[in-house]
Amino acid sequence: MSILDGILKSIGGAPDDVKNLAEKVGIDPAMAEKAIAALGKSHQEDGDTVELAAAKTGLGAGTLKQIVDQIGGEGSLSSFASMIDKDGDGNPLDDLAGMAKGLFGKK
């Protein structure tokens, strides 16, 4: 189970895991993880969350909107971003990398 699986399960209305989410929107699970992280980060920035995440991931706005809907709407993005942004720097991606290193015993 990936880090995002656990986080997604803790958000109300979320699908069972990243793999299921990826299947629902028709993308690779690795791309789904990237998209969710980009959405979480973009939600904290000025501008349209979906459009900002689209620019970061290369995914279409329609696909990203489906992901937002599947994880419970834009309100869930705030919860998601704050749960993974452990150091409070506004960038959850560095924290995800740190969590991944921790899973493999690296620091």
C-alpha atoms as a PDB file:
ATOM      1  CA  MET A   1       0.000   0.000   0.000  1.00  0.00           C
ATOM      2  CA  SER A   2       1.421   3.389  -0.960  1.00  0.00           C
ATOM      3  CA  ILE A   3       1.577   6.432   1.272  1.00  0.00           C
ATOM      4  CA  LEU A   4      -1.203   8.049  -0.730  1.00  0.00           C
ATOM      5  CA  ASP A   5      -3.426   4.987  -0.296  1.00  0.00           C
ATOM      6  CA  GLY A   6      -3.464   5.560   3.452  1.00  0.00           C
ATOM      7  CA  ILE A   7      -4.029   9.274   3.080  1.00  0.00           C
ATOM      8  CA  LEU A   8      -6.825   8.802   0.571  1.00  0.00           C
ATOM      9  CA  LYS A   9      -8.544   6.277   2.828  1.00  0.00           C
ATOM     10  CA  SER A  10      -8.575   8.833   5.633  1.00  0.00           C
ATOM     11  CA  ILE A  11     -10.373  11.452   3.505  1.00  0.00           C
ATOM     12  CA  GLY A  12     -14.143  11.102   3.467  1.00  0.00           C
ATOM     13  CA  GLY A  13     -15.598   9.843   0.205  1.00  0.00           C
ATOM     14  CA  ALA A  14     -12.219   8.748  -1.121  1.00  0.00           C
ATOM     15  CA  PRO A  15     -11.816   5.633  -3.233  1.00  0.00           C
ATOM     16  CA  ASP A  16     -10.165   2.587  -1.636  1.00  0.00           C
ATOM     17  CA  ASP A  17      -6.732   3.340  -3.017  1.00  0.00           C
ATOM     18  CA  VAL A  18      -4.732   5.123  -5.683  1.00  0.00           C
ATOM     19  CA  LYS A  19      -4.967   2.144  -8.034  1.00  0.00           C
ATOM     20  CA  ASN A  20      -8.775   2.235  -7.956  1.00  0.00           C
ATOM     21  CA  LEU A  21      -8.755   5.997  -8.459  1.00  0.00           C
ATOM     22  CA  ALA A  22      -6.407   5.624 -11.415  1.00  0.00           C
ATOM     23  CA  GLU A  23      -8.655   2.978 -12.967  1.00  0.00           C
ATOM     24  CA  LYS A  24     -11.738   5.163 -12.493  1.00  0.00           C
ATOM     25  CA  VAL A  25     -10.187   8.082 -14.356  1.00  0.00           C
ATOM     26  CA  GLY A  26      -8.216   5.982 -16.849  1.00  0.00           C
ATOM     27  CA  ILE A  27      -4.628   6.836 -15.915  1.00  0.00           C
ATOM     28  CA  ASP A  28      -1.571   5.039 -14.557  1.00  0.00           C
ATOM     29  CA  PRO A  29      -1.411   4.805 -10.715  1.00  0.00           C
ATOM     30  CA  ALA A  30       1.959   6.603 -10.667  1.00  0.00           C
ATOM     31  CA  MET A  31       0.409   9.476 -12.616  1.00  0.00           C
ATOM     32  CA  ALA A  32      -2.545   9.488 -10.209  1.00  0.00           C
ATOM     33  CA  GLU A  33      -0.135   9.933  -7.287  1.00  0.00           C
ATOM     34  CA  LYS A  34       1.619  12.766  -9.117  1.00  0.00           C
ATOM     35  CA  ALA A  35      -1.726  14.388  -9.940  1.00  0.00           C
ATOM     36  CA  ILE A  36      -2.987  14.191  -6.352  1.00  0.00           C
ATOM     37  CA  ALA A  37       0.227  15.722  -5.028  1.00  0.00           C
ATOM     38  CA  ALA A  38       0.044  18.502  -7.646  1.00  0.00           C
ATOM     39  CA  LEU A  39      -3.596  19.173  -6.800  1.00  0.00           C
ATOM     40  CA  GLY A  40      -2.787  19.368  -3.090  1.00  0.00           C
ATOM     41  CA  LYS A  41       0.044  21.822  -3.704  1.00  0.00           C
ATOM     42  CA  SER A  42      -1.896  23.855  -6.270  1.00  0.00           C
ATOM     43  CA  HIS A  43      -4.850  24.193  -3.912  1.00  0.00           C
ATOM     44  CA  GLN A  44      -2.648  26.314  -1.633  1.00  0.00           C
ATOM     45  CA  GLU A  45      -1.578  28.632  -4.465  1.00  0.00           C
ATOM     46  CA  ASP A  46      -3.375  31.600  -6.007  1.00  0.00           C
ATOM     47  CA  GLY A  47      -5.342  30.661  -9.106  1.00  0.00           C
ATOM     48  CA  ASP A  48      -7.512  27.806 -10.307  1.00  0.00           C
ATOM     49  CA  THR A  49      -6.414  24.582  -8.605  1.00  0.00           C
ATOM     50  CA  VAL A  50      -7.146  22.318 -11.564  1.00  0.00           C
ATOM     51  CA  GLU A  51      -5.481  24.583 -14.130  1.00  0.00           C
ATOM     52  CA  LEU A  52      -2.360  24.982 -11.979  1.00  0.00           C
ATOM     53  CA  ALA A  53      -2.127  21.211 -11.466  1.00  0.00           C
ATOM     54  CA  ALA A  54      -2.655  20.635 -15.193  1.00  0.00           C
ATOM     55  CA  ALA A  55       0.354  22.823 -15.942  1.00  0.00           C
ATOM     56  CA  LYS A  56       2.458  20.851 -13.436  1.00  0.00           C
ATOM     57  CA  THR A  57       1.433  17.369 -14.564  1.00  0.00           C
ATOM     58  CA  GLY A  58       0.578  17.662 -18.228  1.00  0.00           C
ATOM     59  CA  LEU A  59      -2.779  15.996 -17.548  1.00  0.00           C
ATOM     60  CA  GLY A  60      -5.912  17.546 -18.958  1.00  0.00           C
ATOM     61  CA  ALA A  61      -8.149  19.641 -16.747  1.00  0.00           C
ATOM     62  CA  GLY A  62     -11.010  17.172 -17.289  1.00  0.00           C
ATOM     63  CA  THR A  63      -8.983  14.279 -15.866  1.00  0.00           C
ATOM     64  CA  LEU A  64      -7.839  16.353 -12.902  1.00  0.00           C
ATOM     65  CA  LYS A  65     -11.415  17.479 -12.235  1.00  0.00           C
ATOM     66  CA  GLN A  66     -12.440  13.805 -12.136  1.00  0.00           C
ATOM     67  CA  ILE A  67      -9.708  13.152  -9.563  1.00  0.00           C
ATOM     68  CA  VAL A  68     -10.885  16.087  -7.442  1.00  0.00           C
ATOM     69  CA  ASP A  69     -14.439  14.739  -7.584  1.00  0.00           C
ATOM     70  CA  GLN A  70     -13.288  11.203  -6.664  1.00  0.00           C
ATOM     71  CA  ILE A  71     -11.380  12.341  -3.574  1.00  0.00           C
ATOM     72  CA  GLY A  72     -14.284  14.369  -2.264  1.00  0.00           C
ATOM     73  CA  GLY A  73     -14.063  17.774  -3.918  1.00  0.00           C
ATOM     74  CA  GLU A  74     -11.770  20.752  -3.421  1.00  0.00           C
ATOM     75  CA  GLY A  75     -12.438  20.801   0.324  1.00  0.00           C
ATOM     76  CA  SER A  76     -10.637  17.474   0.601  1.00  0.00           C
ATOM     77  CA  LEU A  77      -7.565  18.949  -1.056  1.00  0.00           C
ATOM     78  CA  SER A  78      -6.985  21.213   1.955  1.00  0.00           C
ATOM     79  CA  SER A  79      -7.074  18.223   4.271  1.00  0.00           C
ATOM     80  CA  PHE A  80      -4.849  16.234   1.967  1.00  0.00           C
ATOM     81  CA  ALA A  81      -2.284  19.004   1.553  1.00  0.00           C
ATOM     82  CA  SER A  82      -2.065  19.716   5.274  1.00  0.00           C
ATOM     83  CA  MET A  83      -1.728  16.013   6.129  1.00  0.00           C
ATOM     84  CA  ILE A  84       1.249  15.500   3.848  1.00  0.00           C
ATOM     85  CA  ASP A  85       2.927  18.906   4.247  1.00  0.00           C
ATOM     86  CA  LYS A  86       4.613  17.912   7.501  1.00  0.00           C
ATOM     87  CA  ASP A  87       7.163  20.731   7.525  1.00  0.00           C
ATOM     88  CA  GLY A  88       4.575  23.421   6.679  1.00  0.00           C
ATOM     89  CA  ASP A  89       6.564  24.856   3.788  1.00  0.00           C
ATOM     90  CA  GLY A  90       3.581  24.752   1.421  1.00  0.00           C
ATOM     91  CA  ASN A  91       5.182  22.036  -0.698  1.00  0.00           C
ATOM     92  CA  PRO A  92       3.888  18.531   0.070  1.00  0.00           C
ATOM     93  CA  LEU A  93       6.094  16.952  -2.602  1.00  0.00           C
ATOM     94  CA  ASP A  94       9.282  17.158  -0.533  1.00  0.00           C
ATOM     95  CA  ASP A  95       7.458  15.553   2.377  1.00  0.00           C
ATOM     96  CA  LEU A  96       6.199  12.719   0.164  1.00  0.00           C
ATOM     97  CA  ALA A  97       9.762  12.054  -0.940  1.00  0.00           C
ATOM     98  CA  GLY A  98      10.874  11.990   2.684  1.00  0.00           C
ATOM     99  CA  MET A  99       8.088   9.590   3.618  1.00  0.00           C
ATOM    100  CA  ALA A 100       9.006   7.323   0.711  1.00  0.00           C
ATOM    101  CA  LYS A 101      12.657   7.261   1.829  1.00  0.00           C
ATOM    102  CA  GLY A 102      11.479   6.341   5.328  1.00  0.00           C
ATOM    103  CA  LEU A 103       9.594   3.347   3.960  1.00  0.00           C
ATOM    104  CA  PHE A 104      12.794   2.004   2.470  1.00  0.00           C
ATOM    105  CA  GLY A 105      14.904   2.650   5.576  1.00  0.00           C
ATOM    106  CA  LYS A 106      16.793   5.606   4.118  1.00  0.00           C
ATOM    107  CA  LYS A 107      17.137   9.006   5.729  1.00  0.00           C
END
